[in-house]
């Protein structure tokens, strides 16, 4: 299974997630030549299955995107309205979601539950 970065619908980087499935990897991808005359662009991450497998789990996360000469509206990948999950699949179950990190999730959830049950 390949993790891929697409720029305007074209693959510009990929790696085999099965080669080292549990390691966090920091990757630098130079898009300078591909963006030289662009005024806007669309970045997309996807998992792509080259060979069919019957039962394989992959947990892929993207965060803290750093750019030079390009402005992203949400480089921390923290706004679910900016980054959305998409799914195109034929066969077997697939679960896909955009999960946004919330630093105070536990405390905020407890406070909200207390409000709901207090009233």
PDB file of N, CA and C in Angstrom:
ATOM      1  N   UNK A   1       0.857  -1.164   0.000  1.00  0.00           N
ATOM      2  CA  UNK A   1       0.000   0.000   0.000  1.00  0.00           C
ATOM      3  C   UNK A   1       0.906   1.230   0.000  1.00  0.00           C
ATOM      4  N   UNK A   2       0.581   2.193  -0.826  1.00  0.00           N
ATOM      5  CA  UNK A   2       1.379   3.401  -0.967  1.00  0.00           C
ATOM      6  C   UNK A   2       0.670   4.595  -0.335  1.00  0.00           C
ATOM      7  N   UNK A   3       1.430   5.384   0.389  1.00  0.00           N
ATOM      8  CA  UNK A   3       0.969   6.690   0.846  1.00  0.00           C
ATOM      9  C   UNK A   3       1.472   7.657  -0.220  1.00  0.00           C
ATOM     10  N   UNK A   4       0.593   8.515  -0.720  1.00  0.00           N
ATOM     11  CA  UNK A   4       0.977   9.395  -1.818  1.00  0.00           C
ATOM     12  C   UNK A   4       0.587  10.843  -1.529  1.00  0.00           C
ATOM     13  N   UNK A   5       1.390  11.756  -2.062  1.00  0.00           N
ATOM     14  CA  UNK A   5       1.061  13.172  -2.077  1.00  0.00           C
ATOM     15  C   UNK A   5       0.796  13.543  -3.528  1.00  0.00           C
ATOM     16  N   UNK A   6      -0.343  14.152  -3.754  1.00  0.00           N
ATOM     17  CA  UNK A   6      -0.690  14.605  -5.096  1.00  0.00           C
ATOM     18  C   UNK A   6      -0.729  16.125  -5.108  1.00  0.00           C
ATOM     19  N   UNK A   7      -0.266  16.701  -6.160  1.00  0.00           N
ATOM     20  CA  UNK A   7      -0.339  18.138  -6.389  1.00  0.00           C
ATOM     21  C   UNK A   7      -1.165  18.334  -7.641  1.00  0.00           C
ATOM     22  N   UNK A   8      -2.294  18.978  -7.477  1.00  0.00           N
ATOM     23  CA  UNK A   8      -3.227  19.197  -8.591  1.00  0.00           C
ATOM     24  C   UNK A   8      -3.541  17.889  -9.328  1.00  0.00           C
ATOM     25  N   UNK A   9      -3.739  16.814  -8.540  1.00  0.00           N
ATOM     26  CA  UNK A   9      -4.158  15.546  -9.104  1.00  0.00           C
ATOM     27  C   UNK A   9      -3.047  14.645  -9.630  1.00  0.00           C
ATOM     28  N   UNK A  10      -1.790  15.074  -9.541  1.00  0.00           N
ATOM     29  CA  UNK A  10      -0.672  14.270 -10.027  1.00  0.00           C
ATOM     30  C   UNK A  10       0.222  13.848  -8.864  1.00  0.00           C
ATOM     31  N   UNK A  11       0.640  12.591  -8.863  1.00  0.00           N
ATOM     32  CA  UNK A  11       1.494  12.071  -7.796  1.00  0.00           C
ATOM     33  C   UNK A  11       2.864  12.744  -7.873  1.00  0.00           C
ATOM     34  N   UNK A  12       3.290  13.358  -6.757  1.00  0.00           N
ATOM     35  CA  UNK A  12       4.605  14.003  -6.693  1.00  0.00           C
ATOM     36  C   UNK A  12       5.513  13.340  -5.661  1.00  0.00           C
ATOM     37  N   UNK A  13       4.948  12.430  -4.856  1.00  0.00           N
ATOM     38  CA  UNK A  13       5.735  11.705  -3.849  1.00  0.00           C
ATOM     39  C   UNK A  13       4.932  10.494  -3.405  1.00  0.00           C
ATOM     40  N   UNK A  14       5.644   9.404  -3.062  1.00  0.00           N
ATOM     41  CA  UNK A  14       4.976   8.245  -2.491  1.00  0.00           C
ATOM     42  C   UNK A  14       5.958   7.403  -1.698  1.00  0.00           C
ATOM     43  N   UNK A  15       5.419   6.618  -0.774  1.00  0.00           N
ATOM     44  CA  UNK A  15       6.221   5.668  -0.013  1.00  0.00           C
ATOM     45  C   UNK A  15       5.356   4.466   0.318  1.00  0.00           C
ATOM     46  N   UNK A  16       6.005   3.337   0.511  1.00  0.00           N
ATOM     47  CA  UNK A  16       5.333   2.097   0.858  1.00  0.00           C
ATOM     48  C   UNK A  16       5.098   2.080   2.366  1.00  0.00           C
ATOM     49  N   UNK A  17       3.848   2.136   2.796  1.00  0.00           N
ATOM     50  CA  UNK A  17       3.558   2.182   4.239  1.00  0.00           C
ATOM     51  C   UNK A  17       3.835   0.851   4.919  1.00  0.00           C
ATOM     52  N   UNK A  18       3.853  -0.238   4.179  1.00  0.00           N
ATOM     53  CA  UNK A  18       4.139  -1.539   4.777  1.00  0.00           C
ATOM     54  C   UNK A  18       5.627  -1.713   5.064  1.00  0.00           C
ATOM     55  N   UNK A  19       6.487  -0.929   4.433  1.00  0.00           N
ATOM     56  CA  UNK A  19       7.934  -1.056   4.632  1.00  0.00           C
ATOM     57  C   UNK A  19       8.331  -0.722   6.066  1.00  0.00           C
ATOM     58  N   UNK A  20       7.690   0.248   6.678  1.00  0.00           N
ATOM     59  CA  UNK A  20       7.963   0.632   8.062  1.00  0.00           C
ATOM     60  C   UNK A  20       6.683   1.242   8.633  1.00  0.00           C
ATOM     61  N   UNK A  21       5.682   0.410   8.926  1.00  0.00           N
ATOM     62  CA  UNK A  21       4.350   0.906   9.256  1.00  0.00           C
ATOM     63  C   UNK A  21       4.217   1.646  10.572  1.00  0.00           C
ATOM     64  N   UNK A  22       5.144   1.472  11.512  1.00  0.00           N
ATOM     65  CA  UNK A  22       4.940   2.072  12.829  1.00  0.00           C
ATOM     66  C   UNK A  22       5.800   3.297  13.090  1.00  0.00           C
ATOM     67  N   UNK A  23       6.661   3.672  12.186  1.00  0.00           N
ATOM     68  CA  UNK A  23       7.584   4.779  12.436  1.00  0.00           C
ATOM     69  C   UNK A  23       7.041   6.096  11.904  1.00  0.00           C
ATOM     70  N   UNK A  24       7.152   7.133  12.736  1.00  0.00           N
ATOM     71  CA  UNK A  24       6.821   8.492  12.299  1.00  0.00           C
ATOM     72  C   UNK A  24       7.921   8.931  11.357  1.00  0.00           C
ATOM     73  N   UNK A  25       7.552   9.503  10.227  1.00  0.00           N
ATOM     74  CA  UNK A  25       8.557   9.909   9.260  1.00  0.00           C
ATOM     75  C   UNK A  25       8.368  11.368   8.891  1.00  0.00           C
ATOM     76  N   UNK A  26       9.441  12.116   8.988  1.00  0.00           N
ATOM     77  CA  UNK A  26       9.431  13.493   8.514  1.00  0.00           C
ATOM     78  C   UNK A  26       9.978  13.469   7.095  1.00  0.00           C
ATOM     79  N   UNK A  27       9.263  14.092   6.181  1.00  0.00           N
ATOM     80  CA  UNK A  27       9.631  14.037   4.773  1.00  0.00           C
ATOM     81  C   UNK A  27       9.693  15.439   4.195  1.00  0.00           C
ATOM     82  N   UNK A  28      10.701  15.695   3.382  1.00  0.00           N
ATOM     83  CA  UNK A  28      10.814  16.961   2.661  1.00  0.00           C
ATOM     84  C   UNK A  28      10.534  16.691   1.191  1.00  0.00           C
ATOM     85  N   UNK A  29       9.612  17.440   0.635  1.00  0.00           N
ATOM     86  CA  UNK A  29       9.230  17.274  -0.760  1.00  0.00           C
ATOM     87  C   UNK A  29       9.361  18.631  -1.435  1.00  0.00           C
ATOM     88  N   UNK A  30      10.250  18.752  -2.391  1.00  0.00           N
ATOM     89  CA  UNK A  30      10.492  20.013  -3.079  1.00  0.00           C
ATOM     90  C   UNK A  30       9.531  20.135  -4.267  1.00  0.00           C
ATOM     91  N   UNK A  31       8.599  21.069  -4.163  1.00  0.00           N
ATOM     92  CA  UNK A  31       7.608  21.292  -5.218  1.00  0.00           C
ATOM     93  C   UNK A  31       7.886  22.572  -6.001  1.00  0.00           C
ATOM     94  N   UNK A  32       9.067  23.146  -5.820  1.00  0.00           N
ATOM     95  CA  UNK A  32       9.403  24.438  -6.429  1.00  0.00           C
ATOM     96  C   UNK A  32       9.153  24.451  -7.929  1.00  0.00           C
ATOM     97  N   UNK A  33       9.692  23.502  -8.638  1.00  0.00           N
ATOM     98  CA  UNK A  33       9.554  23.479 -10.098  1.00  0.00           C
ATOM     99  C   UNK A  33       8.099  23.300 -10.526  1.00  0.00           C
ATOM    100  N   UNK A  34       7.346  22.510  -9.775  1.00  0.00           N
ATOM    101  CA  UNK A  34       5.959  22.243 -10.140  1.00  0.00           C
ATOM    102  C   UNK A  34       5.031  23.412  -9.826  1.00  0.00           C
ATOM    103  N   UNK A  35       5.473  24.315  -8.943  1.00  0.00           N
ATOM    104  CA  UNK A  35       4.644  25.464  -8.556  1.00  0.00           C
ATOM    105  C   UNK A  35       5.189  26.791  -9.085  1.00  0.00           C
ATOM    106  N   UNK A  36       6.158  26.744  -9.971  1.00  0.00           N
ATOM    107  CA  UNK A  36       6.872  27.963 -10.379  1.00  0.00           C
ATOM    108  C   UNK A  36       5.960  29.067 -10.911  1.00  0.00           C
ATOM    109  N   UNK A  37       4.914  28.733 -11.606  1.00  0.00           N
ATOM    110  CA  UNK A  37       4.030  29.770 -12.159  1.00  0.00           C
ATOM    111  C   UNK A  37       2.604  29.671 -11.632  1.00  0.00           C
ATOM    112  N   UNK A  38       2.402  28.889 -10.608  1.00  0.00           N
ATOM    113  CA  UNK A  38       1.049  28.672 -10.071  1.00  0.00           C
ATOM    114  C   UNK A  38       0.624  29.813  -9.155  1.00  0.00           C
ATOM    115  N   UNK A  39      -0.647  30.128  -9.187  1.00  0.00           N
ATOM    116  CA  UNK A  39      -1.218  31.096  -8.242  1.00  0.00           C
ATOM    117  C   UNK A  39      -2.036  30.385  -7.174  1.00  0.00           C
ATOM    118  N   UNK A  40      -2.377  29.128  -7.419  1.00  0.00           N
ATOM    119  CA  UNK A  40      -3.055  28.303  -6.418  1.00  0.00           C
ATOM    120  C   UNK A  40      -2.771  26.842  -6.750  1.00  0.00           C
ATOM    121  N   UNK A  41      -2.974  25.990  -5.756  1.00  0.00           N
ATOM    122  CA  UNK A  41      -2.715  24.564  -5.948  1.00  0.00           C
ATOM    123  C   UNK A  41      -3.556  23.771  -4.964  1.00  0.00           C
ATOM    124  N   UNK A  42      -3.752  22.499  -5.279  1.00  0.00           N
ATOM    125  CA  UNK A  42      -4.474  21.591  -4.403  1.00  0.00           C
ATOM    126  C   UNK A  42      -3.551  20.459  -3.994  1.00  0.00           C
ATOM    127  N   UNK A  43      -3.373  20.284  -2.674  1.00  0.00           N
ATOM    128  CA  UNK A  43      -2.595  19.171  -2.129  1.00  0.00           C
ATOM    129  C   UNK A  43      -3.563  18.098  -1.667  1.00  0.00           C
ATOM    130  N   UNK A  44      -3.202  16.849  -1.922  1.00  0.00           N
ATOM    131  CA  UNK A  44      -4.056  15.733  -1.527  1.00  0.00           C
ATOM    132  C   UNK A  44      -3.167  14.578  -1.083  1.00  0.00           C
ATOM    133  N   UNK A  45      -3.515  13.974   0.060  1.00  0.00           N
ATOM    134  CA  UNK A  45      -2.836  12.760   0.514  1.00  0.00           C
ATOM    135  C   UNK A  45      -3.787  11.617   0.264  1.00  0.00           C
ATOM    136  N   UNK A  46      -3.222  10.475  -0.123  1.00  0.00           N
ATOM    137  CA  UNK A  46      -4.078   9.313  -0.295  1.00  0.00           C
ATOM    138  C   UNK A  46      -3.290   8.033  -0.042  1.00  0.00           C
ATOM    139  N   UNK A  47      -4.040   6.979   0.239  1.00  0.00           N
ATOM    140  CA  UNK A  47      -3.492   5.633   0.292  1.00  0.00           C
ATOM    141  C   UNK A  47      -3.909   4.954  -0.997  1.00  0.00           C
ATOM    142  N   UNK A  48      -2.961   4.309  -1.636  1.00  0.00           N
ATOM    143  CA  UNK A  48      -3.214   3.676  -2.916  1.00  0.00           C
ATOM    144  C   UNK A  48      -2.738   2.228  -2.853  1.00  0.00           C
ATOM    145  N   UNK A  49      -3.604   1.329  -3.196  1.00  0.00           N
ATOM    146  CA  UNK A  49      -3.288  -0.081  -3.147  1.00  0.00           C
ATOM    147  C   UNK A  49      -2.893  -0.569  -4.536  1.00  0.00           C
ATOM    148  N   UNK A  50      -1.622  -0.894  -4.717  1.00  0.00           N
ATOM    149  CA  UNK A  50      -1.146  -1.388  -6.014  1.00  0.00           C
ATOM    150  C   UNK A  50      -1.547  -2.833  -6.258  1.00  0.00           C
ATOM    151  N   UNK A  51      -1.476  -3.644  -5.207  1.00  0.00           N
ATOM    152  CA  UNK A  51      -1.854  -5.055  -5.289  1.00  0.00           C
ATOM    153  C   UNK A  51      -2.945  -5.307  -4.265  1.00  0.00           C
ATOM    154  N   UNK A  52      -3.935  -6.055  -4.649  1.00  0.00           N
ATOM    155  CA  UNK A  52      -5.030  -6.350  -3.733  1.00  0.00           C
ATOM    156  C   UNK A  52      -4.576  -7.196  -2.553  1.00  0.00           C
ATOM    157  N   UNK A  53      -4.978  -6.796  -1.359  1.00  0.00           N
ATOM    158  CA  UNK A  53      -4.723  -7.587  -0.158  1.00  0.00           C
ATOM    159  C   UNK A  53      -6.059  -7.789   0.539  1.00  0.00           C
ATOM    160  N   UNK A  54      -6.206  -8.893   1.231  1.00  0.00           N
ATOM    161  CA  UNK A  54      -7.506  -9.188   1.822  1.00  0.00           C
ATOM    162  C   UNK A  54      -7.720  -8.535   3.177  1.00  0.00           C
ATOM    163  N   UNK A  55      -6.643  -8.316   3.943  1.00  0.00           N
ATOM    164  CA  UNK A  55      -6.829  -7.767   5.273  1.00  0.00           C
ATOM    165  C   UNK A  55      -5.556  -7.030   5.689  1.00  0.00           C
ATOM    166  N   UNK A  56      -5.528  -5.741   5.496  1.00  0.00           N
ATOM    167  CA  UNK A  56      -4.350  -4.950   5.841  1.00  0.00           C
ATOM    168  C   UNK A  56      -4.800  -3.644   6.473  1.00  0.00           C
ATOM    169  N   UNK A  57      -4.239  -3.313   7.626  1.00  0.00           N
ATOM    170  CA  UNK A  57      -4.588  -2.083   8.338  1.00  0.00           C
ATOM    171  C   UNK A  57      -3.473  -1.071   8.154  1.00  0.00           C
ATOM    172  N   UNK A  58      -3.847   0.149   7.827  1.00  0.00           N
ATOM    173  CA  UNK A  58      -2.867   1.242   7.731  1.00  0.00           C
ATOM    174  C   UNK A  58      -3.443   2.468   8.419  1.00  0.00           C
ATOM    175  N   UNK A  59      -2.656   3.075   9.278  1.00  0.00           N
ATOM    176  CA  UNK A  59      -3.046   4.305   9.978  1.00  0.00           C
ATOM    177  C   UNK A  59      -2.074   5.375   9.535  1.00  0.00           C
ATOM    178  N   UNK A  60      -2.523   6.280   8.690  1.00  0.00           N
ATOM    179  CA  UNK A  60      -1.653   7.312   8.127  1.00  0.00           C
ATOM    180  C   UNK A  60      -2.109   8.663   8.656  1.00  0.00           C
ATOM    181  N   UNK A  61      -1.150   9.438   9.122  1.00  0.00           N
ATOM    182  CA  UNK A  61      -1.458  10.759   9.675  1.00  0.00           C
ATOM    183  C   UNK A  61      -0.566  11.801   9.028  1.00  0.00           C
ATOM    184  N   UNK A  62      -1.100  12.987   8.867  1.00  0.00           N
ATOM    185  CA  UNK A  62      -0.354  14.099   8.282  1.00  0.00           C
ATOM    186  C   UNK A  62      -0.492  15.277   9.235  1.00  0.00           C
ATOM    187  N   UNK A  63       0.612  15.960   9.502  1.00  0.00           N
ATOM    188  CA  UNK A  63       0.528  17.106  10.395  1.00  0.00           C
ATOM    189  C   UNK A  63       1.688  18.055  10.242  1.00  0.00           C
ATOM    190  N   UNK A  64       1.470  19.275  10.660  1.00  0.00           N
ATOM    191  CA  UNK A  64       2.499  20.314  10.702  1.00  0.00           C
ATOM    192  C   UNK A  64       3.248  20.447   9.382  1.00  0.00           C
ATOM    193  N   UNK A  65       2.536  20.881   8.379  1.00  0.00           N
ATOM    194  CA  UNK A  65       3.122  21.066   7.056  1.00  0.00           C
ATOM    195  C   UNK A  65       3.849  22.406   7.044  1.00  0.00           C
ATOM    196  N   UNK A  66       5.102  22.393   6.628  1.00  0.00           N
ATOM    197  CA  UNK A  66       5.909  23.610   6.552  1.00  0.00           C
ATOM    198  C   UNK A  66       6.167  23.904   5.085  1.00  0.00           C
ATOM    199  N   UNK A  67       5.898  25.126   4.675  1.00  0.00           N
ATOM    200  CA  UNK A  67       6.118  25.511   3.281  1.00  0.00           C
ATOM    201  C   UNK A  67       7.018  26.736   3.207  1.00  0.00           C
ATOM    202  N   UNK A  68       7.704  26.861   2.098  1.00  0.00           N
ATOM    203  CA  UNK A  68       8.518  28.041   1.819  1.00  0.00           C
ATOM    204  C   UNK A  68       8.021  28.618   0.502  1.00  0.00           C
ATOM    205  N   UNK A  69       7.623  29.875   0.499  1.00  0.00           N
ATOM    206  CA  UNK A  69       7.155  30.517  -0.716  1.00  0.00           C
ATOM    207  C   UNK A  69       5.727  30.166  -1.089  1.00  0.00           C
ATOM    208  N   UNK A  70       5.031  29.514  -0.195  1.00  0.00           N
ATOM    209  CA  UNK A  70       3.654  29.089  -0.443  1.00  0.00           C
ATOM    210  C   UNK A  70       2.892  29.223   0.861  1.00  0.00           C
ATOM    211  N   UNK A  71       1.711  29.782   0.803  1.00  0.00           N
ATOM    212  CA  UNK A  71       0.912  29.957   2.015  1.00  0.00           C
ATOM    213  C   UNK A  71      -0.210  28.934   2.044  1.00  0.00           C
ATOM    214  N   UNK A  72      -0.273  28.171   3.121  1.00  0.00           N
ATOM    215  CA  UNK A  72      -1.371  27.230   3.325  1.00  0.00           C
ATOM    216  C   UNK A  72      -2.364  27.843   4.294  1.00  0.00           C
ATOM    217  N   UNK A  73      -3.639  27.585   4.070  1.00  0.00           N
ATOM    218  CA  UNK A  73      -4.644  28.138   4.973  1.00  0.00           C
ATOM    219  C   UNK A  73      -4.654  27.425   6.323  1.00  0.00           C
ATOM    220  N   UNK A  74      -4.151  26.198   6.387  1.00  0.00           N
ATOM    221  CA  UNK A  74      -4.137  25.446   7.644  1.00  0.00           C
ATOM    222  C   UNK A  74      -2.948  24.484   7.675  1.00  0.00           C
ATOM    223  N   UNK A  75      -1.729  25.004   7.863  1.00  0.00           N
ATOM    224  CA  UNK A  75      -0.542  24.140   7.818  1.00  0.00           C
ATOM    225  C   UNK A  75      -0.446  23.140   8.968  1.00  0.00           C
ATOM    226  N   UNK A  76      -1.146  23.365  10.059  1.00  0.00           N
ATOM    227  CA  UNK A  76      -1.123  22.436  11.179  1.00  0.00           C
ATOM    228  C   UNK A  76      -2.092  21.284  11.022  1.00  0.00           C
ATOM    229  N   UNK A  77      -2.866  21.313   9.941  1.00  0.00           N
ATOM    230  CA  UNK A  77      -3.877  20.291   9.665  1.00  0.00           C
ATOM    231  C   UNK A  77      -4.782  20.142  10.891  1.00  0.00           C
ATOM    232  N   UNK A  78      -5.304  21.267  11.350  1.00  0.00           N
ATOM    233  CA  UNK A  78      -6.110  21.274  12.570  1.00  0.00           C
ATOM    234  C   UNK A  78      -7.544  21.735  12.339  1.00  0.00           C
ATOM    235  N   UNK A  79      -7.898  22.113  11.118  1.00  0.00           N
ATOM    236  CA  UNK A  79      -9.231  22.622  10.834  1.00  0.00           C
ATOM    237  C   UNK A  79      -9.954  21.638   9.925  1.00  0.00           C
ATOM    238  N   UNK A  80     -10.959  20.960  10.461  1.00  0.00           N
ATOM    239  CA  UNK A  80     -11.684  19.946   9.695  1.00  0.00           C
ATOM    240  C   UNK A  80     -12.420  20.542   8.496  1.00  0.00           C
ATOM    241  N   UNK A  81     -12.699  21.851   8.515  1.00  0.00           N
ATOM    242  CA  UNK A  81     -13.366  22.474   7.372  1.00  0.00           C
ATOM    243  C   UNK A  81     -12.399  22.673   6.205  1.00  0.00           C
ATOM    244  N   UNK A  82     -11.104  22.764   6.489  1.00  0.00           N
ATOM    245  CA  UNK A  82     -10.098  22.964   5.445  1.00  0.00           C
ATOM    246  C   UNK A  82      -9.641  21.645   4.854  1.00  0.00           C
ATOM    247  N   UNK A  83      -9.395  20.665   5.710  1.00  0.00           N
ATOM    248  CA  UNK A  83      -8.924  19.343   5.284  1.00  0.00           C
ATOM    249  C   UNK A  83     -10.060  18.362   5.462  1.00  0.00           C
ATOM    250  N   UNK A  84     -10.474  17.725   4.413  1.00  0.00           N
ATOM    251  CA  UNK A  84     -11.594  16.804   4.494  1.00  0.00           C
ATOM    252  C   UNK A  84     -11.160  15.394   4.078  1.00  0.00           C
ATOM    253  N   UNK A  85     -11.869  14.434   4.571  1.00  0.00           N
ATOM    254  CA  UNK A  85     -11.594  13.035   4.209  1.00  0.00           C
ATOM    255  C   UNK A  85     -12.423  12.685   2.986  1.00  0.00           C
ATOM    256  N   UNK A  86     -11.810  11.976   2.072  1.00  0.00           N
ATOM    257  CA  UNK A  86     -12.520  11.502   0.891  1.00  0.00           C
ATOM    258  C   UNK A  86     -12.255  10.023   0.736  1.00  0.00           C
ATOM    259  N   UNK A  87     -13.128   9.341   0.067  1.00  0.00           N
ATOM    260  CA  UNK A  87     -12.984   7.901  -0.055  1.00  0.00           C
ATOM    261  C   UNK A  87     -13.487   7.441  -1.412  1.00  0.00           C
ATOM    262  N   UNK A  88     -12.648   6.710  -2.112  1.00  0.00           N
ATOM    263  CA  UNK A  88     -13.051   6.051  -3.353  1.00  0.00           C
ATOM    264  C   UNK A  88     -12.556   4.617  -3.237  1.00  0.00           C
ATOM    265  N   UNK A  89     -13.461   3.656  -3.211  1.00  0.00           N
ATOM    266  CA  UNK A  89     -13.060   2.287  -2.921  1.00  0.00           C
ATOM    267  C   UNK A  89     -14.001   1.301  -3.591  1.00  0.00           C
ATOM    268  N   UNK A  90     -13.448   0.211  -4.050  1.00  0.00           N
ATOM    269  CA  UNK A  90     -14.245  -0.884  -4.565  1.00  0.00           C
ATOM    270  C   UNK A  90     -13.862  -2.122  -3.767  1.00  0.00           C
ATOM    271  N   UNK A  91     -14.798  -2.740  -3.079  1.00  0.00           N
ATOM    272  CA  UNK A  91     -14.531  -3.937  -2.287  1.00  0.00           C
ATOM    273  C   UNK A  91     -14.332  -3.626  -0.826  1.00  0.00           C
ATOM    274  N   UNK A  92     -14.274  -4.621   0.033  1.00  0.00           N
ATOM    275  CA  UNK A  92     -14.016  -4.593   1.463  1.00  0.00           C
ATOM    276  C   UNK A  92     -14.283  -3.324   2.244  1.00  0.00           C
ATOM    277  N   UNK A  93     -14.301  -3.428   3.570  1.00  0.00           N
ATOM    278  CA  UNK A  93     -14.567  -2.260   4.406  1.00  0.00           C
ATOM    279  C   UNK A  93     -13.348  -1.334   4.504  1.00  0.00           C
ATOM    280  N   UNK A  94     -13.611  -0.041   4.441  1.00  0.00           N
ATOM    281  CA  UNK A  94     -12.578   0.979   4.616  1.00  0.00           C
ATOM    282  C   UNK A  94     -13.161   2.063   5.501  1.00  0.00           C
ATOM    283  N   UNK A  95     -12.363   2.516   6.444  1.00  0.00           N
ATOM    284  CA  UNK A  95     -12.812   3.569   7.347  1.00  0.00           C
ATOM    285  C   UNK A  95     -11.895   4.764   7.137  1.00  0.00           C
ATOM    286  N   UNK A  96     -12.462   5.895   6.850  1.00  0.00           N
ATOM    287  CA  UNK A  96     -11.686   7.077   6.517  1.00  0.00           C
ATOM    288  C   UNK A  96     -12.279   8.269   7.249  1.00  0.00           C
ATOM    289  N   UNK A  97     -11.433   9.082   7.862  1.00  0.00           N
ATOM    290  CA  UNK A  97     -11.942  10.254   8.561  1.00  0.00           C
ATOM    291  C   UNK A  97     -10.860  11.314   8.665  1.00  0.00           C
ATOM    292  N   UNK A  98     -11.290  12.546   8.831  1.00  0.00           N
ATOM    293  CA  UNK A  98     -10.382  13.645   9.135  1.00  0.00           C
ATOM    294  C   UNK A  98     -10.466  13.845  10.639  1.00  0.00           C
ATOM    295  N   UNK A  99      -9.411  13.535  11.340  1.00  0.00           N
ATOM    296  CA  UNK A  99      -9.399  13.664  12.791  1.00  0.00           C
ATOM    297  C   UNK A  99      -8.543  14.870  13.158  1.00  0.00           C
ATOM    298  N   UNK A 100      -9.137  15.774  13.894  1.00  0.00           N
ATOM    299  CA  UNK A 100      -8.472  17.018  14.243  1.00  0.00           C
ATOM    300  C   UNK A 100      -8.006  16.963  15.701  1.00  0.00           C
ATOM    301  N   UNK A 101      -6.739  17.258  15.921  1.00  0.00           N
ATOM    302  CA  UNK A 101      -6.175  17.271  17.271  1.00  0.00           C
ATOM    303  C   UNK A 101      -6.779  18.422  18.070  1.00  0.00           C
ATOM    304  N   UNK A 102      -7.208  18.137  19.267  1.00  0.00           N
ATOM    305  CA  UNK A 102      -7.779  19.138  20.162  1.00  0.00           C
ATOM    306  C   UNK A 102      -7.022  19.039  21.484  1.00  0.00           C
ATOM    307  N   UNK A 103      -6.201  20.045  21.828  1.00  0.00           N
ATOM    308  CA  UNK A 103      -5.341  19.939  23.003  1.00  0.00           C
ATOM    309  C   UNK A 103      -6.085  19.805  24.325  1.00  0.00           C
ATOM    310  N   UNK A 104      -7.328  20.278  24.407  1.00  0.00           N
ATOM    311  CA  UNK A 104      -8.083  20.217  25.659  1.00  0.00           C
ATOM    312  C   UNK A 104      -9.308  19.311  25.544  1.00  0.00           C
ATOM    313  N   UNK A 105      -9.237  18.313  24.684  1.00  0.00           N
ATOM    314  CA  UNK A 105     -10.400  17.468  24.410  1.00  0.00           C
ATOM    315  C   UNK A 105     -10.983  16.847  25.685  1.00  0.00           C
ATOM    316  N   UNK A 106     -10.156  16.243  26.502  1.00  0.00           N
ATOM    317  CA  UNK A 106     -10.654  15.584  27.716  1.00  0.00           C
ATOM    318  C   UNK A 106     -11.349  16.544  28.659  1.00  0.00           C
ATOM    319  N   UNK A 107     -10.710  17.678  28.940  1.00  0.00           N
ATOM    320  CA  UNK A 107     -11.281  18.661  29.865  1.00  0.00           C
ATOM    321  C   UNK A 107     -12.545  19.289  29.278  1.00  0.00           C
ATOM    322  N   UNK A 108     -12.526  19.609  27.980  1.00  0.00           N
ATOM    323  CA  UNK A 108     -13.695  20.227  27.351  1.00  0.00           C
ATOM    324  C   UNK A 108     -14.875  19.259  27.300  1.00  0.00           C
ATOM    325  N   UNK A 109     -14.598  17.983  27.024  1.00  0.00           N
ATOM    326  CA  UNK A 109     -15.666  16.984  26.981  1.00  0.00           C
ATOM    327  C   UNK A 109     -16.265  16.787  28.365  1.00  0.00           C
ATOM    328  N   UNK A 110     -15.425  16.737  29.381  1.00  0.00           N
ATOM    329  CA  UNK A 110     -15.927  16.584  30.760  1.00  0.00           C
ATOM    330  C   UNK A 110     -16.760  17.782  31.168  1.00  0.00           C
ATOM    331  N   UNK A 111     -16.322  18.981  30.833  1.00  0.00           N
ATOM    332  CA  UNK A 111     -17.074  20.191  31.188  1.00  0.00           C
ATOM    333  C   UNK A 111     -18.422  20.223  30.476  1.00  0.00           C
ATOM    334  N   UNK A 112     -18.439  19.828  29.219  1.00  0.00           N
ATOM    335  CA  UNK A 112     -19.697  19.824  28.454  1.00  0.00           C
ATOM    336  C   UNK A 112     -20.652  18.781  29.014  1.00  0.00           C
ATOM    337  N   UNK A 113     -20.144  17.604  29.360  1.00  0.00           N
ATOM    338  CA  UNK A 113     -20.989  16.562  29.946  1.00  0.00           C
ATOM    339  C   UNK A 113     -21.560  17.039  31.290  1.00  0.00           C
ATOM    340  N   UNK A 114     -20.746  17.717  32.095  1.00  0.00           N
ATOM    341  CA  UNK A 114     -21.224  18.248  33.381  1.00  0.00           C
ATOM    342  C   UNK A 114     -22.344  19.261  33.160  1.00  0.00           C
ATOM    343  N   UNK A 115     -22.212  20.099  32.125  1.00  0.00           N
ATOM    344  CA  UNK A 115     -23.256  21.074  31.817  1.00  0.00           C
ATOM    345  C   UNK A 115     -24.551  20.383  31.415  1.00  0.00           C
ATOM    346  N   UNK A 116     -24.422  19.355  30.587  1.00  0.00           N
ATOM    347  CA  UNK A 116     -25.620  18.660  30.110  1.00  0.00           C
ATOM    348  C   UNK A 116     -26.367  17.960  31.239  1.00  0.00           C
ATOM    349  N   UNK A 117     -25.625  17.365  32.159  1.00  0.00           N
ATOM    350  CA  UNK A 117     -26.264  16.624  33.243  1.00  0.00           C
ATOM    351  C   UNK A 117     -26.637  17.498  34.440  1.00  0.00           C
ATOM    352  N   UNK A 118     -26.135  18.713  34.490  1.00  0.00           N
ATOM    353  CA  UNK A 118     -26.444  19.608  35.610  1.00  0.00           C
ATOM    354  C   UNK A 118     -27.827  20.222  35.480  1.00  0.00           C
ATOM    355  N   UNK A 119     -28.278  20.349  34.252  1.00  0.00           N
ATOM    356  CA  UNK A 119     -29.456  21.116  33.982  1.00  0.00           C
ATOM    357  C   UNK A 119     -30.760  20.533  34.073  1.00  0.00           C
TER     358      UNK A 119
END
